[in-house]
C-alpha atoms as a PDB file:
ATOM      1  CA  MET A   1       9.094  11.278  -8.036  1.00  0.00           C
ATOM      2  CA  THR A   2      10.835   8.735  -5.959  1.00  0.00           C
ATOM      3  CA  ARG A   3       7.676   8.182  -4.255  1.00  0.00           C
ATOM      4  CA  MET A   4       5.908   8.229  -7.942  1.00  0.00           C
ATOM      5  CA  ILE A   5       8.592   4.978  -8.781  1.00  0.00           C
ATOM      6  CA  ASP A   6       8.089   3.217  -5.526  1.00  0.00           C
ATOM      7  CA  GLN A   7       4.558   3.060  -6.196  1.00  0.00           C
ATOM      8  CA  ILE A   8       4.837   1.869  -9.475  1.00  0.00           C
ATOM      9  CA  GLN A   9       7.058  -1.017  -8.267  1.00  0.00           C
ATOM     10  CA  ALA A  10       4.436  -1.629  -5.453  1.00  0.00           C
ATOM     11  CA  ARG A  11       1.931  -1.754  -8.486  1.00  0.00           C
ATOM     12  CA  LEU A  12       3.866  -4.049 -10.469  1.00  0.00           C
ATOM     13  CA  ASP A  13       5.225  -6.155  -7.736  1.00  0.00           C
ATOM     14  CA  LEU A  14       0.932  -6.685  -6.624  1.00  0.00           C
ATOM     15  CA  LEU A  15       0.134  -7.461 -10.470  1.00  0.00           C
ATOM     16  CA  GLN A  16       2.598  -9.948 -11.114  1.00  0.00           C
ATOM     17  CA  LEU A  17       0.999 -11.926  -7.518  1.00  0.00           C
ATOM     18  CA  THR A  18      -2.336 -11.524  -8.657  1.00  0.00           C
ATOM     19  CA  ALA A  19      -2.727 -11.165 -12.420  1.00  0.00           C
ATOM     20  CA  ALA A  20       0.706 -12.343 -14.349  1.00  0.00           C
ATOM     21  CA  HIS A  21      -1.158 -14.328 -16.933  1.00  0.00           C
ATOM     22  CA  LYS A  22      -3.127 -10.854 -17.672  1.00  0.00           C
ATOM     23  CA  LEU A  23       0.244  -9.029 -18.230  1.00  0.00           C
ATOM     24  CA  ALA A  24       1.756 -11.820 -19.962  1.00  0.00           C
ATOM     25  CA  GLU A  25      -1.207 -11.724 -22.542  1.00  0.00           C
ATOM     26  CA  ALA A  26      -0.908  -7.652 -22.791  1.00  0.00           C
ATOM     27  CA  GLY A  27       2.906  -7.847 -23.278  1.00  0.00           C
ATOM     28  CA  VAL A  28       4.144  -6.268 -20.475  1.00  0.00           C
ATOM     29  CA  ASP A  29       7.838  -7.438 -19.803  1.00  0.00           C
ATOM     30  CA  LEU A  30       7.995  -7.964 -16.109  1.00  0.00           C
ATOM     31  CA  ALA A  31      11.597  -8.758 -16.553  1.00  0.00           C
ATOM     32  CA  ALA A  32      12.685  -5.982 -17.506  1.00  0.00           C
ATOM     33  CA  ALA A  33      10.943  -3.457 -14.935  1.00  0.00           C
ATOM     34  CA  PRO A  34      13.738  -3.594 -12.035  1.00  0.00           C
ATOM     35  CA  ALA A  35      16.159  -2.243 -14.686  1.00  0.00           C
ATOM     36  CA  ALA A  36      13.654   0.698 -15.902  1.00  0.00           C
ATOM     37  CA  LEU A  37      12.812   1.265 -12.205  1.00  0.00           C
ATOM     38  CA  ALA A  38      16.482   1.488 -11.289  1.00  0.00           C
ATOM     39  CA  ALA A  39      17.572   3.457 -14.463  1.00  0.00           C
ATOM     40  CA  ALA A  40      13.996   5.999 -13.045  1.00  0.00           C
ATOM     41  CA  ARG A  41      15.790   6.104  -9.750  1.00  0.00           C
ATOM     42  CA  ALA A  42      19.216   6.968 -10.990  1.00  0.00           C
ATOM     43  CA  ALA A  43      17.734   9.941 -13.066  1.00  0.00           C
ATOM     44  CA  VAL A  44      16.005  11.138 -10.346  1.00  0.00           C
ATOM     45  CA  ALA A  45      18.948  11.185  -8.420  1.00  0.00           C
ATOM     46  CA  ASP A  46      21.001  12.904 -11.048  1.00  0.00           C
ATOM     47  CA  GLY A  47      18.901  15.824 -11.117  1.00  0.00           C
ATOM     48  CA  ALA A  48      18.124  14.343 -14.756  1.00  0.00           C
ATOM     49  CA  LEU A  49      14.647  13.683 -13.930  1.00  0.00           C
ATOM     50  CA  GLY A  50      11.632  15.539 -12.355  1.00  0.00           C
ATOM     51  CA  TYR A  51       9.013  18.006 -12.749  1.00  0.00           C
ATOM     52  CA  ALA A  52       9.159  21.243 -14.085  1.00  0.00           C
ATOM     53  CA  LEU A  53       5.870  23.834 -14.210  1.00  0.00           C
ATOM     54  CA  LEU A  54       5.232  25.855 -17.297  1.00  0.00           C
ATOM     55  CA  ILE A  55       3.279  29.007 -17.403  1.00  0.00           C
ATOM     56  CA  ALA A  56       2.120  30.472 -20.400  1.00  0.00           C
ATOM     57  CA  GLU A  57       0.519  33.875 -20.882  1.00  0.00           C
ATOM     58  CA  LYS A  58      -1.866  35.233 -23.455  1.00  0.00           C
ATOM     59  CA  SER A  59      -0.557  38.594 -25.059  1.00  0.00           C
ATOM     60  CA  ALA A  60      -2.963  41.606 -24.964  1.00  0.00           C
END
């Protein structure tokens, strides 16, 4: 999960360098990204955010 958050940050950083005007046109608030990413990292560290596996079985 932490790796995914790091990849999101790297992609946003790259987009900020290469396509900032397109992000602004799309309404993406890059100033909010650091706080959102930090909150996601904290949730992972606290165990509140992670992966789950759900399995369903059809009854006979």
